Amino acid sequence: MSDNKSKPAAKKSAAVQKPAAEVGFCVYIGPTIAGVIQSGTIFRGTKKEVLKSVANTTERYPLMASLIVTGDTLAQDRIKVKTPGNLLYVNYHKLASGAM
């Protein structure tokens, strides 16, 4: 009888979970650009909404857009930024050196 009680509870918790596709926040994982953006800045919304809100800044610093990542991929992307041989690493170091 205890098995019957646990099954409905499992179904209820699964229904409450949000879809993994839309976490609802993005993080800038690039270097701090004085007077423009600080490393670790958190933005609320989807990546599309965030990129639209920082469009003026990304016109001046286009590589910055690639370093704004979603909450879904934040953990993996933080590692990639520190690992040579991938685009996030290259873009981070180009921005850090001032080459745009």
Protein backbone atom coordinates (compact mmCIF):
# COMPACT_ATOMS: atom_id res chain seq x y z
CA MET A 1 0.00 0.00 0.00
CA SER A 2 2.93 2.35 0.61
CA ASP A 3 3.93 1.87 -3.04
CA ASN A 4 0.63 3.38 -4.21
CA LYS A 5 1.18 6.50 -2.13
CA SER A 6 4.70 7.08 -3.48
CA LYS A 7 3.70 6.82 -7.15
CA PRO A 8 1.26 9.78 -7.18
CA ALA A 9 3.82 11.88 -5.30
CA ALA A 10 6.44 11.16 -7.96
CA LYS A 11 4.03 12.20 -10.72
CA LYS A 12 3.19 15.41 -8.88
CA SER A 13 6.85 16.45 -8.49
CA ALA A 14 7.54 15.74 -12.17
CA ALA A 15 4.65 17.99 -13.21
CA VAL A 16 5.99 20.90 -11.13
CA GLN A 17 9.42 20.96 -12.82
CA LYS A 18 10.07 23.61 -15.48
CA PRO A 19 11.29 22.64 -18.95
CA ALA A 20 15.08 22.54 -19.17
CA ALA A 21 15.13 24.63 -22.38
CA GLU A 22 14.28 27.92 -20.64
CA VAL A 23 16.20 28.47 -17.42
CA GLY A 24 15.47 32.19 -17.38
CA PHE A 25 18.88 33.76 -16.81
CA CYS A 26 22.18 34.40 -18.56
CA VAL A 27 25.64 35.22 -17.24
CA TYR A 28 28.49 37.20 -18.79
CA ILE A 29 31.60 35.02 -18.35
CA GLY A 30 34.04 37.31 -20.15
CA PRO A 31 36.61 39.68 -18.68
CA THR A 32 35.56 42.88 -16.93
CA ILE A 33 35.53 45.83 -19.32
CA ALA A 34 35.89 48.97 -17.19
CA GLY A 35 32.84 51.20 -17.44
CA VAL A 36 30.99 48.68 -19.63
CA ILE A 37 30.41 45.31 -17.95
CA GLN A 38 31.72 43.29 -15.04
CA SER A 39 32.62 39.62 -15.24
CA GLY A 40 29.88 37.48 -13.69
CA THR A 41 27.05 39.90 -14.47
CA ILE A 42 23.72 38.08 -14.29
CA PHE A 43 20.87 38.95 -16.65
CA ARG A 44 17.25 37.87 -16.26
CA GLY A 45 15.51 36.44 -19.32
CA THR A 46 16.32 34.30 -22.31
CA LYS A 47 19.54 34.73 -24.27
CA LYS A 48 17.64 36.38 -27.11
CA GLU A 49 16.12 38.95 -24.72
CA VAL A 50 19.47 39.62 -23.04
CA LEU A 51 21.32 40.13 -26.32
CA LYS A 52 18.60 42.54 -27.42
CA SER A 53 18.97 44.54 -24.19
CA VAL A 54 22.77 44.86 -24.58
CA ALA A 55 22.72 45.46 -28.34
CA ASN A 56 24.38 48.89 -28.05
CA THR A 57 27.29 47.43 -26.11
CA THR A 58 27.72 44.41 -28.36
CA GLU A 59 27.98 46.72 -31.37
CA ARG A 60 31.13 48.18 -29.81
CA TYR A 61 32.36 44.86 -28.36
CA PRO A 62 30.97 42.12 -30.67
CA LEU A 63 32.87 39.28 -28.94
CA MET A 64 31.01 40.08 -25.73
CA ALA A 65 27.83 38.50 -27.15
CA SER A 66 29.49 35.08 -27.40
CA LEU A 67 30.50 35.28 -23.74
CA ILE A 68 26.93 35.74 -22.51
CA VAL A 69 25.79 32.19 -21.78
CA THR A 70 22.55 30.67 -20.56
CA GLY A 71 22.08 29.07 -17.18
CA ASP A 72 21.73 25.71 -18.98
CA THR A 73 25.34 25.75 -20.19
CA LEU A 74 26.96 27.94 -17.53
CA ALA A 75 28.88 25.14 -15.80
CA GLN A 76 30.36 23.76 -19.03
CA ASP A 77 31.08 27.20 -20.50
CA ARG A 78 32.96 28.38 -17.39
CA ILE A 79 35.33 25.45 -17.94
CA LYS A 80 35.62 26.13 -21.68
CA VAL A 81 36.64 29.76 -21.05
CA LYS A 82 39.66 28.47 -19.13
CA THR A 83 40.54 25.63 -21.54
CA PRO A 84 42.68 26.45 -24.62
CA GLY A 85 41.43 25.21 -27.97
CA ASN A 86 37.85 26.46 -28.14
CA LEU A 87 36.02 29.59 -29.25
CA LEU A 88 35.05 30.82 -25.77
CA TYR A 89 38.71 30.75 -24.68
CA VAL A 90 39.81 32.65 -27.80
CA ASN A 91 37.07 35.29 -27.49
CA TYR A 92 37.77 35.78 -23.78
CA HIS A 93 41.46 36.42 -24.41
CA LYS A 94 40.80 38.71 -27.38
CA LEU A 95 38.52 40.85 -25.22
CA ALA A 96 40.96 40.78 -22.30
CA SER A 97 43.82 41.96 -24.52
CA GLY A 98 41.73 44.75 -26.03
CA ALA A 99 41.65 43.27 -29.53
CA MET A 100 38.13 43.36 -30.85
